């Protein structure tokens, strides 16, 4: 009776969360992609209303769980954690693209048993499905004006594994990740210690052991990271449905869109006479501006301004 009560309450609140959203799967474009290796993956893409090619938009990748696998190209958006990013409540203050791929039946985002928790990416190659996701993401940057500094990933269960996996394999790409009831490779914690992470898990999860999140969070903190971790007590009866309260957390959306990678400075192109032979350089502050000062062998100095390359962004 208790297990039925827990299941019913989670199912009921899931329905409430979905019904509160104004967006539906039909607001997403239905697409298909065949990877360089010949692997086909269907996906949905949400394009912000009034898309402006002069603005750089953030993009959220949503990775669903095992129950939403298939090729109908709709099930991956059955839960609020995937659908919510395209809702008006998010899009009005934070217009963004949303990429929602669907993993084929019997495949996994990460080829490791869910019940094991922590795994080693050195022993688990990037899956064909995840490789296709990365290629789709790359292709979208060629089609639309997306912000390289604001790429986000969220995922639940099997998708929670996938979220960690993408972060670990591409540590310099994403601005923030939201893994829900997933697990990762603790040996990779140092590589992503500076990556903003907000992980969710329920203590009584019977499918993916909570130690999968606990161990990775502990590893990140041990290496100087500052991840956010929300664990739901067993007494709440959340079980393997931490994505329900996670999606309803009012602080999640502003936290995600408050994260951005730092632009890599570039040096303004310099044209010089071939007779110059620079022997040394240093960074200096000139009238409050950071500049690069070059010294030639003859003692000449040429200051160059250092500036970021990020274009105007959509907010």
C-alpha atoms as a PDB file:
ATOM      1  CA  UNK A   1       0.000   0.000   0.000  1.00  0.00           C
ATOM      2  CA  UNK A   2       2.826   2.435   0.850  1.00  0.00           C
ATOM      3  CA  UNK A   3       4.563   1.842  -2.485  1.00  0.00           C
ATOM      4  CA  UNK A   4       1.271   2.423  -4.336  1.00  0.00           C
ATOM      5  CA  UNK A   5       0.698   5.647  -2.379  1.00  0.00           C
ATOM      6  CA  UNK A   6       4.198   6.887  -3.246  1.00  0.00           C
ATOM      7  CA  UNK A   7       3.758   6.035  -6.934  1.00  0.00           C
ATOM      8  CA  UNK A   8       0.362   7.721  -7.083  1.00  0.00           C
ATOM      9  CA  UNK A   9       1.576  10.911  -5.403  1.00  0.00           C
ATOM     10  CA  UNK A  10       4.583  11.230  -7.746  1.00  0.00           C
ATOM     11  CA  UNK A  11       2.399  10.515 -10.803  1.00  0.00           C
ATOM     12  CA  UNK A  12      -0.233  13.001  -9.626  1.00  0.00           C
ATOM     13  CA  UNK A  13       2.234  15.833  -9.047  1.00  0.00           C
ATOM     14  CA  UNK A  14       3.855  15.078 -12.412  1.00  0.00           C
ATOM     15  CA  UNK A  15       0.505  15.660 -14.070  1.00  0.00           C
ATOM     16  CA  UNK A  16       0.056  18.918 -12.185  1.00  0.00           C
ATOM     17  CA  UNK A  17       3.518  20.103 -13.247  1.00  0.00           C
ATOM     18  CA  UNK A  18       2.888  19.267 -16.909  1.00  0.00           C
ATOM     19  CA  UNK A  19      -0.548  20.872 -16.915  1.00  0.00           C
ATOM     20  CA  UNK A  20       0.924  24.090 -15.491  1.00  0.00           C
ATOM     21  CA  UNK A  21       3.111  24.501 -18.587  1.00  0.00           C
ATOM     22  CA  UNK A  22       1.884  26.438 -21.606  1.00  0.00           C
ATOM     23  CA  UNK A  23       4.244  24.733 -24.060  1.00  0.00           C
ATOM     24  CA  UNK A  24       3.641  21.348 -25.709  1.00  0.00           C
ATOM     25  CA  UNK A  25       5.749  18.997 -27.782  1.00  0.00           C
ATOM     26  CA  UNK A  26       4.095  20.449 -30.884  1.00  0.00           C
ATOM     27  CA  UNK A  27       5.871  23.746 -30.226  1.00  0.00           C
ATOM     28  CA  UNK A  28       9.125  21.941 -31.023  1.00  0.00           C
ATOM     29  CA  UNK A  29      10.274  21.164 -34.554  1.00  0.00           C
ATOM     30  CA  UNK A  30      10.517  17.418 -35.285  1.00  0.00           C
ATOM     31  CA  UNK A  31      13.849  16.557 -36.871  1.00  0.00           C
ATOM     32  CA  UNK A  32      16.139  13.634 -37.645  1.00  0.00           C
ATOM     33  CA  UNK A  33      19.922  13.433 -37.909  1.00  0.00           C
ATOM     34  CA  UNK A  34      22.285  10.805 -39.273  1.00  0.00           C
ATOM     35  CA  UNK A  35      25.736  10.935 -37.729  1.00  0.00           C
ATOM     36  CA  UNK A  36      29.047  10.655 -39.548  1.00  0.00           C
ATOM     37  CA  UNK A  37      29.105   7.015 -38.446  1.00  0.00           C
ATOM     38  CA  UNK A  38      25.694   6.406 -40.011  1.00  0.00           C
ATOM     39  CA  UNK A  39      23.723   6.392 -36.738  1.00  0.00           C
ATOM     40  CA  UNK A  40      20.268   7.994 -36.966  1.00  0.00           C
ATOM     41  CA  UNK A  41      18.767   9.925 -34.073  1.00  0.00           C
ATOM     42  CA  UNK A  42      15.439  11.756 -33.981  1.00  0.00           C
ATOM     43  CA  UNK A  43      15.186  14.961 -31.978  1.00  0.00           C
ATOM     44  CA  UNK A  44      13.025  17.948 -31.213  1.00  0.00           C
ATOM     45  CA  UNK A  45      14.230  21.527 -31.445  1.00  0.00           C
ATOM     46  CA  UNK A  46      12.617  24.562 -29.870  1.00  0.00           C
ATOM     47  CA  UNK A  47      13.444  27.866 -31.553  1.00  0.00           C
ATOM     48  CA  UNK A  48      12.706  30.990 -29.489  1.00  0.00           C
ATOM     49  CA  UNK A  49       9.818  33.151 -30.603  1.00  0.00           C
ATOM     50  CA  UNK A  50      10.952  36.240 -32.498  1.00  0.00           C
ATOM     51  CA  UNK A  51      14.363  34.716 -33.091  1.00  0.00           C
ATOM     52  CA  UNK A  52      16.818  37.513 -33.918  1.00  0.00           C
ATOM     53  CA  UNK A  53      19.864  36.550 -35.978  1.00  0.00           C
ATOM     54  CA  UNK A  54      21.764  39.489 -34.505  1.00  0.00           C
ATOM     55  CA  UNK A  55      21.642  38.037 -30.993  1.00  0.00           C
ATOM     56  CA  UNK A  56      23.514  35.034 -29.638  1.00  0.00           C
ATOM     57  CA  UNK A  57      21.132  32.623 -27.883  1.00  0.00           C
ATOM     58  CA  UNK A  58      21.896  30.087 -25.164  1.00  0.00           C
ATOM     59  CA  UNK A  59      20.951  26.460 -25.762  1.00  0.00           C
ATOM     60  CA  UNK A  60      19.714  23.820 -23.333  1.00  0.00           C
ATOM     61  CA  UNK A  61      20.161  20.114 -24.115  1.00  0.00           C
ATOM     62  CA  UNK A  62      17.669  17.845 -22.351  1.00  0.00           C
ATOM     63  CA  UNK A  63      18.390  14.140 -21.948  1.00  0.00           C
ATOM     64  CA  UNK A  64      15.442  11.901 -21.061  1.00  0.00           C
ATOM     65  CA  UNK A  65      15.328   8.685 -19.052  1.00  0.00           C
ATOM     66  CA  UNK A  66      15.036   5.040 -20.092  1.00  0.00           C
ATOM     67  CA  UNK A  67      11.248   5.039 -20.102  1.00  0.00           C
ATOM     68  CA  UNK A  68      11.113   7.609 -22.883  1.00  0.00           C
ATOM     69  CA  UNK A  69      13.316   5.759 -25.385  1.00  0.00           C
ATOM     70  CA  UNK A  70      12.043   4.974 -28.883  1.00  0.00           C
ATOM     71  CA  UNK A  71      11.641   6.740 -32.207  1.00  0.00           C
ATOM     72  CA  UNK A  72       8.239   8.440 -31.933  1.00  0.00           C
ATOM     73  CA  UNK A  73      10.044  11.766 -31.325  1.00  0.00           C
ATOM     74  CA  UNK A  74       7.576  12.836 -28.660  1.00  0.00           C
ATOM     75  CA  UNK A  75       8.161  10.750 -25.526  1.00  0.00           C
ATOM     76  CA  UNK A  76      11.426  12.503 -24.678  1.00  0.00           C
ATOM     77  CA  UNK A  77       9.365  15.552 -23.717  1.00  0.00           C
ATOM     78  CA  UNK A  78       6.880  13.720 -21.523  1.00  0.00           C
ATOM     79  CA  UNK A  79       8.186  15.245 -18.283  1.00  0.00           C
ATOM     80  CA  UNK A  80       8.545  18.874 -17.142  1.00  0.00           C
ATOM     81  CA  UNK A  81      12.332  18.684 -16.734  1.00  0.00           C
ATOM     82  CA  UNK A  82      12.604  18.465 -20.518  1.00  0.00           C
ATOM     83  CA  UNK A  83       9.595  20.533 -21.540  1.00  0.00           C
ATOM     84  CA  UNK A  84       9.912  23.380 -19.046  1.00  0.00           C
ATOM     85  CA  UNK A  85      12.839  25.122 -20.768  1.00  0.00           C
ATOM     86  CA  UNK A  86      10.607  26.060 -23.708  1.00  0.00           C
ATOM     87  CA  UNK A  87       7.750  27.308 -21.543  1.00  0.00           C
ATOM     88  CA  UNK A  88       6.851  31.002 -21.588  1.00  0.00           C
ATOM     89  CA  UNK A  89       7.748  31.255 -17.904  1.00  0.00           C
ATOM     90  CA  UNK A  90      11.349  30.508 -18.911  1.00  0.00           C
ATOM     91  CA  UNK A  91      11.457  31.873 -22.455  1.00  0.00           C
ATOM     92  CA  UNK A  92      10.198  35.365 -21.670  1.00  0.00           C
ATOM     93  CA  UNK A  93      13.035  36.180 -19.237  1.00  0.00           C
ATOM     94  CA  UNK A  94      15.543  33.774 -20.793  1.00  0.00           C
ATOM     95  CA  UNK A  95      14.916  33.113 -24.509  1.00  0.00           C
ATOM     96  CA  UNK A  96      16.901  30.045 -25.517  1.00  0.00           C
ATOM     97  CA  UNK A  97      17.021  27.113 -27.902  1.00  0.00           C
ATOM     98  CA  UNK A  98      16.107  23.688 -26.525  1.00  0.00           C
ATOM     99  CA  UNK A  99      17.525  20.508 -28.031  1.00  0.00           C
ATOM    100  CA  UNK A 100      15.736  17.304 -27.009  1.00  0.00           C
ATOM    101  CA  UNK A 101      17.074  14.138 -28.680  1.00  0.00           C
ATOM    102  CA  UNK A 102      15.435  10.716 -28.284  1.00  0.00           C
ATOM    103  CA  UNK A 103      17.573   7.680 -27.535  1.00  0.00           C
ATOM    104  CA  UNK A 104      16.494   4.569 -29.503  1.00  0.00           C
ATOM    105  CA  UNK A 105      14.829   1.676 -27.722  1.00  0.00           C
ATOM    106  CA  UNK A 106      17.291  -0.661 -25.943  1.00  0.00           C
ATOM    107  CA  UNK A 107      20.131   1.866 -26.253  1.00  0.00           C
ATOM    108  CA  UNK A 108      21.590   4.081 -23.515  1.00  0.00           C
ATOM    109  CA  UNK A 109      23.130   7.512 -23.416  1.00  0.00           C
ATOM    110  CA  UNK A 110      25.952   5.934 -21.408  1.00  0.00           C
ATOM    111  CA  UNK A 111      26.658   2.224 -21.806  1.00  0.00           C
ATOM    112  CA  UNK A 112      26.948   1.329 -18.141  1.00  0.00           C
ATOM    113  CA  UNK A 113      24.529  -0.464 -15.754  1.00  0.00           C
ATOM    114  CA  UNK A 114      22.422   2.088 -13.864  1.00  0.00           C
ATOM    115  CA  UNK A 115      22.466   0.088 -10.673  1.00  0.00           C
ATOM    116  CA  UNK A 116      26.256   0.323 -10.377  1.00  0.00           C
ATOM    117  CA  UNK A 117      26.408   4.043  -9.763  1.00  0.00           C
ATOM    118  CA  UNK A 118      29.939   5.350 -10.375  1.00  0.00           C
ATOM    119  CA  UNK A 119      31.670   4.188 -13.564  1.00  0.00           C
ATOM    120  CA  UNK A 120      34.912   4.883 -15.436  1.00  0.00           C
ATOM    121  CA  UNK A 121      34.759   6.712 -18.765  1.00  0.00           C
ATOM    122  CA  UNK A 122      38.110   5.145 -19.663  1.00  0.00           C
ATOM    123  CA  UNK A 123      36.273   1.805 -19.816  1.00  0.00           C
ATOM    124  CA  UNK A 124      33.057   3.177 -21.356  1.00  0.00           C
ATOM    125  CA  UNK A 125      33.468   4.769 -24.804  1.00  0.00           C
ATOM    126  CA  UNK A 126      31.252   7.612 -25.936  1.00  0.00           C
ATOM    127  CA  UNK A 127      28.049   5.954 -27.125  1.00  0.00           C
ATOM    128  CA  UNK A 128      26.870   6.241 -30.736  1.00  0.00           C
ATOM    129  CA  UNK A 129      23.773   8.075 -29.537  1.00  0.00           C
ATOM    130  CA  UNK A 130      25.755  10.608 -27.525  1.00  0.00           C
ATOM    131  CA  UNK A 131      28.139  11.144 -30.419  1.00  0.00           C
ATOM    132  CA  UNK A 132      25.115  11.954 -32.573  1.00  0.00           C
ATOM    133  CA  UNK A 133      23.909  14.446 -29.935  1.00  0.00           C
ATOM    134  CA  UNK A 134      27.259  16.237 -30.027  1.00  0.00           C
ATOM    135  CA  UNK A 135      27.172  16.362 -33.824  1.00  0.00           C
ATOM    136  CA  UNK A 136      23.620  17.719 -33.777  1.00  0.00           C
ATOM    137  CA  UNK A 137      24.709  20.429 -31.358  1.00  0.00           C
ATOM    138  CA  UNK A 138      27.634  21.338 -33.604  1.00  0.00           C
ATOM    139  CA  UNK A 139      25.340  21.479 -36.630  1.00  0.00           C
ATOM    140  CA  UNK A 140      22.966  23.874 -34.877  1.00  0.00           C
ATOM    141  CA  UNK A 141      25.801  26.321 -34.351  1.00  0.00           C
ATOM    142  CA  UNK A 142      26.173  26.414 -38.120  1.00  0.00           C
ATOM    143  CA  UNK A 143      22.445  26.993 -38.652  1.00  0.00           C
ATOM    144  CA  UNK A 144      21.671  29.509 -35.910  1.00  0.00           C
ATOM    145  CA  UNK A 145      23.350  32.231 -33.913  1.00  0.00           C
ATOM    146  CA  UNK A 146      24.033  30.398 -30.656  1.00  0.00           C
ATOM    147  CA  UNK A 147      26.130  31.531 -27.717  1.00  0.00           C
ATOM    148  CA  UNK A 148      29.206  29.330 -27.298  1.00  0.00           C
ATOM    149  CA  UNK A 149      29.539  30.591 -23.726  1.00  0.00           C
ATOM    150  CA  UNK A 150      26.059  29.480 -22.646  1.00  0.00           C
ATOM    151  CA  UNK A 151      25.552  25.824 -23.508  1.00  0.00           C
ATOM    152  CA  UNK A 152      23.658  23.894 -20.830  1.00  0.00           C
ATOM    153  CA  UNK A 153      22.703  20.263 -20.206  1.00  0.00           C
ATOM    154  CA  UNK A 154      20.010  18.768 -17.995  1.00  0.00           C
ATOM    155  CA  UNK A 155      18.918  15.164 -17.734  1.00  0.00           C
ATOM    156  CA  UNK A 156      17.106  12.641 -15.577  1.00  0.00           C
ATOM    157  CA  UNK A 157      17.950   9.038 -14.690  1.00  0.00           C
ATOM    158  CA  UNK A 158      19.594   7.596 -17.812  1.00  0.00           C
ATOM    159  CA  UNK A 159      19.792  11.222 -18.899  1.00  0.00           C
ATOM    160  CA  UNK A 160      21.377  12.110 -15.572  1.00  0.00           C
ATOM    161  CA  UNK A 161      24.200   9.752 -16.493  1.00  0.00           C
ATOM    162  CA  UNK A 162      24.309  11.389 -19.906  1.00  0.00           C
ATOM    163  CA  UNK A 163      24.513  14.867 -18.404  1.00  0.00           C
ATOM    164  CA  UNK A 164      27.530  13.946 -16.290  1.00  0.00           C
ATOM    165  CA  UNK A 165      29.051  12.107 -19.248  1.00  0.00           C
ATOM    166  CA  UNK A 166      28.898  15.109 -21.581  1.00  0.00           C
ATOM    167  CA  UNK A 167      30.346  17.357 -18.889  1.00  0.00           C
ATOM    168  CA  UNK A 168      33.278  15.014 -18.253  1.00  0.00           C
ATOM    169  CA  UNK A 169      34.090  14.340 -21.910  1.00  0.00           C
ATOM    170  CA  UNK A 170      33.784  18.004 -22.913  1.00  0.00           C
ATOM    171  CA  UNK A 171      34.902  19.866 -19.764  1.00  0.00           C
ATOM    172  CA  UNK A 172      35.541  23.156 -21.581  1.00  0.00           C
ATOM    173  CA  UNK A 173      32.247  23.317 -23.467  1.00  0.00           C
ATOM    174  CA  UNK A 174      29.325  23.724 -21.069  1.00  0.00           C
ATOM    175  CA  UNK A 175      28.411  26.615 -18.798  1.00  0.00           C
ATOM    176  CA  UNK A 176      26.308  24.570 -16.360  1.00  0.00           C
ATOM    177  CA  UNK A 177      24.823  21.079 -15.972  1.00  0.00           C
ATOM    178  CA  UNK A 178      21.826  19.718 -14.066  1.00  0.00           C
ATOM    179  CA  UNK A 179      22.125  15.942 -13.556  1.00  0.00           C
ATOM    180  CA  UNK A 180      19.120  14.396 -11.815  1.00  0.00           C
ATOM    181  CA  UNK A 181      19.379  10.918 -10.247  1.00  0.00           C
ATOM    182  CA  UNK A 182      22.477  10.053 -12.254  1.00  0.00           C
ATOM    183  CA  UNK A 183      26.074   8.997 -11.606  1.00  0.00           C
ATOM    184  CA  UNK A 184      29.525   9.825 -12.912  1.00  0.00           C
ATOM    185  CA  UNK A 185      33.227   9.012 -12.872  1.00  0.00           C
ATOM    186  CA  UNK A 186      34.797  10.389  -9.694  1.00  0.00           C
ATOM    187  CA  UNK A 187      38.273  10.241 -11.252  1.00  0.00           C
ATOM    188  CA  UNK A 188      37.189  13.024 -13.610  1.00  0.00           C
ATOM    189  CA  UNK A 189      36.197  15.429 -10.838  1.00  0.00           C
ATOM    190  CA  UNK A 190      39.313  17.538 -11.169  1.00  0.00           C
ATOM    191  CA  UNK A 191      38.582  18.214 -14.847  1.00  0.00           C
ATOM    192  CA  UNK A 192      35.153  19.716 -14.074  1.00  0.00           C
ATOM    193  CA  UNK A 193      35.755  21.108 -10.594  1.00  0.00           C
ATOM    194  CA  UNK A 194      35.051  24.659 -11.834  1.00  0.00           C
ATOM    195  CA  UNK A 195      31.945  23.726 -13.816  1.00  0.00           C
ATOM    196  CA  UNK A 196      28.678  24.930 -12.209  1.00  0.00           C
ATOM    197  CA  UNK A 197      26.715  21.809 -11.224  1.00  0.00           C
ATOM    198  CA  UNK A 198      23.358  21.455  -9.536  1.00  0.00           C
ATOM    199  CA  UNK A 199      22.620  17.790  -8.927  1.00  0.00           C
ATOM    200  CA  UNK A 200      19.421  16.257  -7.549  1.00  0.00           C
ATOM    201  CA  UNK A 201      18.758  12.792  -6.123  1.00  0.00           C
ATOM    202  CA  UNK A 202      16.410  11.081  -3.683  1.00  0.00           C
ATOM    203  CA  UNK A 203      17.867   9.090  -0.803  1.00  0.00           C
ATOM    204  CA  UNK A 204      15.398   6.260  -1.399  1.00  0.00           C
ATOM    205  CA  UNK A 205      16.010   5.902  -5.154  1.00  0.00           C
ATOM    206  CA  UNK A 206      15.605   2.164  -5.913  1.00  0.00           C
ATOM    207  CA  UNK A 207      16.867   2.359  -9.521  1.00  0.00           C
ATOM    208  CA  UNK A 208      19.966   4.562  -9.531  1.00  0.00           C
ATOM    209  CA  UNK A 209      21.668   4.412  -6.125  1.00  0.00           C
ATOM    210  CA  UNK A 210      22.016   7.785  -4.433  1.00  0.00           C
ATOM    211  CA  UNK A 211      25.695   7.092  -3.848  1.00  0.00           C
ATOM    212  CA  UNK A 212      26.189   7.842  -7.563  1.00  0.00           C
ATOM    213  CA  UNK A 213      25.464  11.521  -6.890  1.00  0.00           C
ATOM    214  CA  UNK A 214      26.912  11.609  -3.381  1.00  0.00           C
ATOM    215  CA  UNK A 215      30.286  10.260  -4.464  1.00  0.00           C
ATOM    216  CA  UNK A 216      30.667  12.636  -7.406  1.00  0.00           C
ATOM    217  CA  UNK A 217      29.617  15.669  -5.365  1.00  0.00           C
ATOM    218  CA  UNK A 218      32.096  14.680  -2.648  1.00  0.00           C
ATOM    219  CA  UNK A 219      34.838  14.249  -5.256  1.00  0.00           C
ATOM    220  CA  UNK A 220      34.161  17.693  -6.725  1.00  0.00           C
ATOM    221  CA  UNK A 221      34.224  19.345  -3.305  1.00  0.00           C
ATOM    222  CA  UNK A 222      37.426  17.514  -2.376  1.00  0.00           C
ATOM    223  CA  UNK A 223      39.075  19.104  -5.419  1.00  0.00           C
ATOM    224  CA  UNK A 224      37.912  22.608  -4.641  1.00  0.00           C
ATOM    225  CA  UNK A 225      34.658  22.576  -6.585  1.00  0.00           C
ATOM    226  CA  UNK A 226      31.479  24.215  -5.348  1.00  0.00           C
ATOM    227  CA  UNK A 227      28.596  22.117  -6.744  1.00  0.00           C
ATOM    228  CA  UNK A 228      25.031  22.568  -5.544  1.00  0.00           C
ATOM    229  CA  UNK A 229      23.462  19.336  -4.350  1.00  0.00           C
ATOM    230  CA  UNK A 230      19.847  18.715  -3.373  1.00  0.00           C
ATOM    231  CA  UNK A 231      19.039  15.347  -1.836  1.00  0.00           C
ATOM    232  CA  UNK A 232      15.459  14.485  -0.927  1.00  0.00           C
ATOM    233  CA  UNK A 233      15.008  12.582   2.310  1.00  0.00           C
ATOM    234  CA  UNK A 234      13.698   9.028   2.149  1.00  0.00           C
ATOM    235  CA  UNK A 235      10.742  10.055   4.307  1.00  0.00           C
ATOM    236  CA  UNK A 236       9.408  12.131   1.388  1.00  0.00           C
ATOM    237  CA  UNK A 237       8.902   8.986  -0.680  1.00  0.00           C
ATOM    238  CA  UNK A 238      10.300  10.522  -3.886  1.00  0.00           C
ATOM    239  CA  UNK A 239      12.067   7.323  -4.949  1.00  0.00           C
ATOM    240  CA  UNK A 240      13.233   7.388  -8.559  1.00  0.00           C
ATOM    241  CA  UNK A 241      11.401  10.598  -9.429  1.00  0.00           C
ATOM    242  CA  UNK A 242      13.664  13.366  -8.186  1.00  0.00           C
ATOM    243  CA  UNK A 243      13.028  15.185 -11.472  1.00  0.00           C
ATOM    244  CA  UNK A 244       9.537  16.134 -10.268  1.00  0.00           C
ATOM    245  CA  UNK A 245      10.590  18.379  -7.351  1.00  0.00           C
ATOM    246  CA  UNK A 246      13.756  19.386  -9.219  1.00  0.00           C
ATOM    247  CA  UNK A 247      11.743  20.870 -12.079  1.00  0.00           C
ATOM    248  CA  UNK A 248       9.502  22.646  -9.576  1.00  0.00           C
ATOM    249  CA  UNK A 249      12.431  24.238  -7.716  1.00  0.00           C
ATOM    250  CA  UNK A 250      11.979  28.023  -8.207  1.00  0.00           C
ATOM    251  CA  UNK A 251      15.697  28.659  -7.973  1.00  0.00           C
ATOM    252  CA  UNK A 252      16.758  26.295 -10.764  1.00  0.00           C
ATOM    253  CA  UNK A 253      15.985  28.399 -13.843  1.00  0.00           C
ATOM    254  CA  UNK A 254      17.608  31.646 -12.650  1.00  0.00           C
ATOM    255  CA  UNK A 255      20.600  29.671 -11.390  1.00  0.00           C
ATOM    256  CA  UNK A 256      21.133  27.983 -14.769  1.00  0.00           C
ATOM    257  CA  UNK A 257      20.868  31.171 -16.815  1.00  0.00           C
ATOM    258  CA  UNK A 258      23.073  32.980 -14.346  1.00  0.00           C
ATOM    259  CA  UNK A 259      25.971  30.786 -15.469  1.00  0.00           C
ATOM    260  CA  UNK A 260      28.207  31.544 -18.443  1.00  0.00           C
ATOM    261  CA  UNK A 261      31.682  30.529 -19.438  1.00  0.00           C
ATOM    262  CA  UNK A 262      34.340  33.234 -19.524  1.00  0.00           C
ATOM    263  CA  UNK A 263      35.219  34.551 -22.958  1.00  0.00           C
ATOM    264  CA  UNK A 264      38.760  33.788 -24.004  1.00  0.00           C
ATOM    265  CA  UNK A 265      40.553  37.095 -24.696  1.00  0.00           C
ATOM    266  CA  UNK A 266      42.089  37.583 -28.114  1.00  0.00           C
ATOM    267  CA  UNK A 267      44.781  39.962 -29.236  1.00  0.00           C
ATOM    268  CA  UNK A 268      43.789  42.635 -31.722  1.00  0.00           C
ATOM    269  CA  UNK A 269      45.445  41.811 -35.076  1.00  0.00           C
ATOM    270  CA  UNK A 270      48.736  43.638 -35.478  1.00  0.00           C
ATOM    271  CA  UNK A 271      50.387  44.605 -38.719  1.00  0.00           C
ATOM    272  CA  UNK A 272      54.034  45.396 -38.402  1.00  0.00           C
ATOM    273  CA  UNK A 273      57.140  45.920 -40.430  1.00  0.00           C
ATOM    274  CA  UNK A 274      59.113  42.731 -40.812  1.00  0.00           C
ATOM    275  CA  UNK A 275      62.110  44.553 -39.335  1.00  0.00           C
ATOM    276  CA  UNK A 276      60.538  44.380 -35.855  1.00  0.00           C
ATOM    277  CA  UNK A 277      61.860  41.534 -33.768  1.00  0.00           C
ATOM    278  CA  UNK A 278      59.995  41.410 -30.454  1.00  0.00           C
ATOM    279  CA  UNK A 279      61.993  39.985 -27.600  1.00  0.00           C
ATOM    280  CA  UNK A 280      59.499  40.189 -24.702  1.00  0.00           C
ATOM    281  CA  UNK A 281      55.938  41.135 -23.749  1.00  0.00           C
ATOM    282  CA  UNK A 282      53.876  41.798 -20.629  1.00  0.00           C
ATOM    283  CA  UNK A 283      50.320  42.679 -19.591  1.00  0.00           C
ATOM    284  CA  UNK A 284      49.890  46.187 -18.159  1.00  0.00           C
ATOM    285  CA  UNK A 285      47.029  48.475 -17.108  1.00  0.00           C
ATOM    286  CA  UNK A 286      46.842  51.710 -19.077  1.00  0.00           C
ATOM    287  CA  UNK A 287      44.124  54.159 -17.986  1.00  0.00           C
ATOM    288  CA  UNK A 288      42.139  51.314 -16.508  1.00  0.00           C
ATOM    289  CA  UNK A 289      42.358  49.133 -19.620  1.00  0.00           C
ATOM    290  CA  UNK A 290      44.274  45.876 -19.805  1.00  0.00           C
ATOM    291  CA  UNK A 291      46.780  45.987 -22.658  1.00  0.00           C
ATOM    292  CA  UNK A 292      49.613  43.924 -23.973  1.00  0.00           C
ATOM    293  CA  UNK A 293      52.914  45.764 -24.190  1.00  0.00           C
ATOM    294  CA  UNK A 294      55.478  44.431 -26.634  1.00  0.00           C
ATOM    295  CA  UNK A 295      59.118  45.408 -26.524  1.00  0.00           C
ATOM    296  CA  UNK A 296      61.287  45.118 -29.581  1.00  0.00           C
ATOM    297  CA  UNK A 297      64.993  44.558 -29.519  1.00  0.00           C
ATOM    298  CA  UNK A 298      65.451  48.295 -30.040  1.00  0.00           C
ATOM    299  CA  UNK A 299      63.331  49.241 -27.047  1.00  0.00           C
ATOM    300  CA  UNK A 300      60.193  50.300 -28.978  1.00  0.00           C
ATOM    301  CA  UNK A 301      56.827  49.659 -27.263  1.00  0.00           C
ATOM    302  CA  UNK A 302      53.460  49.050 -28.945  1.00  0.00           C
ATOM    303  CA  UNK A 303      50.363  48.663 -26.664  1.00  0.00           C
ATOM    304  CA  UNK A 304      47.581  46.367 -27.924  1.00  0.00           C
ATOM    305  CA  UNK A 305      44.119  46.222 -26.371  1.00  0.00           C
ATOM    306  CA  UNK A 306      42.873  42.873 -25.085  1.00  0.00           C
ATOM    307  CA  UNK A 307      39.143  42.360 -25.585  1.00  0.00           C
ATOM    308  CA  UNK A 308      36.529  39.539 -25.470  1.00  0.00           C
ATOM    309  CA  UNK A 309      34.890  38.293 -28.662  1.00  0.00           C
ATOM    310  CA  UNK A 310      31.414  37.524 -27.265  1.00  0.00           C
ATOM    311  CA  UNK A 311      28.601  39.108 -29.369  1.00  0.00           C
ATOM    312  CA  UNK A 312      25.428  40.699 -27.915  1.00  0.00           C
ATOM    313  CA  UNK A 313      23.341  38.035 -26.215  1.00  0.00           C
ATOM    314  CA  UNK A 314      19.650  37.276 -25.830  1.00  0.00           C
ATOM    315  CA  UNK A 315      18.418  37.700 -22.267  1.00  0.00           C
END
